[in-house]
Amino acid sequence: MEESKKKRTQVESGDKEIIYSKAIKAGKRIYYLDVKRNLKNDLFLALTESKKIQAKDDGHISFEKHKIFLYKEDFEKFMEGMADVMNYIKEHNGCFPGEGEDDTSGAVRPDTDD
């Protein structure tokens, strides 16, 4: 009884059950790749960036999260775009961090709010 109430609450709140998950730890960030199921029973990908933030004044630790939902009809275009961008970086940077060079430039795209 309690479990069905929990599932109903998750669906009503928009928080879908995670079918499969992969966590990628990268310094102060953790990237979560969560496979979820929508109300039509289709699978989709929820990408979450969780960044650890420590307040300078009191040392309080919190997490800032950003989510992107990627639906099956967009998987192929997304992967093509990702491959294109990764190839560009590899061609213009020589290699990816962890493949011989350490990228500490901290470069940010000019059109971001960071």
Protein backbone atom coordinates (compact mmCIF):
# COMPACT_ATOMS: atom_id res chain seq x y z
CA MET A 1 0.00 0.00 0.00
CA GLU A 2 2.74 2.45 0.97
CA GLU A 3 4.74 1.66 -2.19
CA SER A 4 1.81 2.34 -4.54
CA LYS A 5 1.21 5.66 -2.79
CA LYS A 6 4.87 6.57 -3.31
CA LYS A 7 4.71 5.73 -7.04
CA ARG A 8 1.48 7.71 -7.46
CA THR A 9 3.06 10.69 -5.70
CA GLN A 10 6.11 10.47 -7.98
CA VAL A 11 3.96 10.47 -11.12
CA GLU A 12 1.77 13.32 -9.86
CA SER A 13 4.80 15.43 -9.00
CA GLY A 14 6.36 14.78 -12.40
CA ASP A 15 9.28 12.79 -10.95
CA LYS A 16 9.36 9.65 -13.06
CA GLU A 17 10.85 6.40 -11.83
CA ILE A 18 14.47 5.87 -12.83
CA ILE A 19 14.83 2.70 -14.93
CA TYR A 20 18.62 2.85 -15.31
CA SER A 21 21.22 5.32 -14.09
CA LYS A 22 24.90 6.11 -14.63
CA ALA A 23 26.81 8.60 -12.46
CA ILE A 24 29.95 10.25 -13.81
CA LYS A 25 32.09 11.94 -11.13
CA ALA A 26 34.22 14.81 -12.44
CA GLY A 27 35.84 16.98 -9.77
CA LYS A 28 33.22 19.15 -8.04
CA ARG A 29 30.59 17.98 -10.53
CA ILE A 30 28.63 14.79 -10.90
CA TYR A 31 26.76 14.07 -14.11
CA TYR A 32 23.80 11.72 -13.86
CA LEU A 33 22.45 9.97 -16.96
CA ASP A 34 19.03 8.65 -15.93
CA VAL A 35 16.76 6.59 -18.16
CA LYS A 36 13.13 7.24 -17.27
CA ARG A 37 9.73 6.27 -18.66
CA ASN A 38 7.03 8.81 -19.56
CA LEU A 39 3.27 8.33 -19.18
CA LYS A 40 3.09 6.87 -22.71
CA ASN A 41 5.59 4.20 -21.63
CA ASP A 42 8.39 5.64 -23.85
CA LEU A 43 11.91 5.83 -22.47
CA PHE A 44 13.79 9.13 -22.35
CA LEU A 45 17.09 10.40 -20.99
CA ALA A 46 17.38 12.91 -18.15
CA LEU A 47 20.84 14.50 -17.96
CA THR A 48 21.60 16.17 -14.63
CA GLU A 49 24.66 18.19 -13.67
CA SER A 50 25.09 18.45 -9.91
CA LYS A 51 27.74 20.94 -8.78
CA LYS A 52 28.98 21.13 -5.19
CA ILE A 53 29.03 24.70 -3.88
CA GLN A 54 30.53 25.74 -0.57
CA ALA A 55 29.57 29.11 0.89
CA LYS A 56 32.61 31.24 1.69
CA ASP A 57 31.15 32.84 4.81
CA ASP A 58 29.82 29.88 6.80
CA GLY A 59 31.18 26.86 4.92
CA HIS A 60 27.67 25.56 4.22
CA ILE A 61 27.68 23.03 1.37
CA SER A 62 24.87 22.93 -1.18
CA PHE A 63 24.36 21.50 -4.64
CA GLU A 64 23.33 23.40 -7.75
CA LYS A 65 21.51 21.21 -10.29
CA HIS A 66 20.75 21.65 -13.97
CA LYS A 67 18.60 19.21 -15.95
CA ILE A 68 18.11 18.45 -19.63
CA PHE A 69 15.54 16.00 -20.95
CA LEU A 70 16.38 14.22 -24.18
CA TYR A 71 13.60 12.32 -25.95
CA LYS A 72 14.02 9.35 -28.28
CA GLU A 73 13.06 11.28 -31.41
CA ASP A 74 16.08 13.53 -30.77
CA PHE A 75 18.68 10.87 -29.82
CA GLU A 76 20.23 10.52 -33.29
CA LYS A 77 20.53 14.28 -33.92
CA PHE A 78 21.93 14.82 -30.44
CA MET A 79 24.57 12.09 -30.87
CA GLU A 80 25.54 13.43 -34.31
CA GLY A 81 25.92 16.93 -32.87
CA MET A 82 27.88 15.63 -29.88
CA ALA A 83 30.25 13.65 -32.14
CA ASP A 84 30.74 16.72 -34.37
CA VAL A 85 31.59 18.96 -31.42
CA MET A 86 33.90 16.39 -29.82
CA ASN A 87 35.75 15.92 -33.13
CA TYR A 88 36.14 19.71 -33.45
CA ILE A 89 37.61 19.93 -29.95
CA LYS A 90 39.95 17.02 -30.58
CA GLU A 91 41.14 18.50 -33.91
CA HIS A 92 41.70 22.00 -32.50
CA ASN A 93 42.96 21.05 -29.05
CA GLY A 94 45.06 18.04 -30.03
CA CYS A 95 43.50 15.71 -27.48
CA PHE A 96 40.97 15.56 -24.66
CA PRO A 97 41.96 16.16 -21.04
CA GLY A 98 43.09 12.85 -19.60
CA GLU A 99 44.65 11.82 -22.94
CA GLY A 100 48.01 13.44 -22.28
CA GLU A 101 47.32 17.15 -21.76
CA ASP A 102 45.75 18.86 -18.78
CA ASP A 103 43.07 21.42 -19.71
CA THR A 104 43.07 24.06 -16.99
CA SER A 105 42.08 26.98 -19.20
CA GLY A 106 38.59 27.29 -17.70
CA ALA A 107 37.33 28.62 -21.03
CA VAL A 108 33.63 29.47 -21.13
CA ARG A 109 31.48 29.99 -24.21
CA PRO A 110 30.93 33.73 -24.71
CA ASP A 111 27.14 33.35 -24.83
CA THR A 112 26.83 31.69 -21.40
CA ASP A 113 25.93 33.36 -18.13
CA ASP A 114 28.82 31.78 -16.20
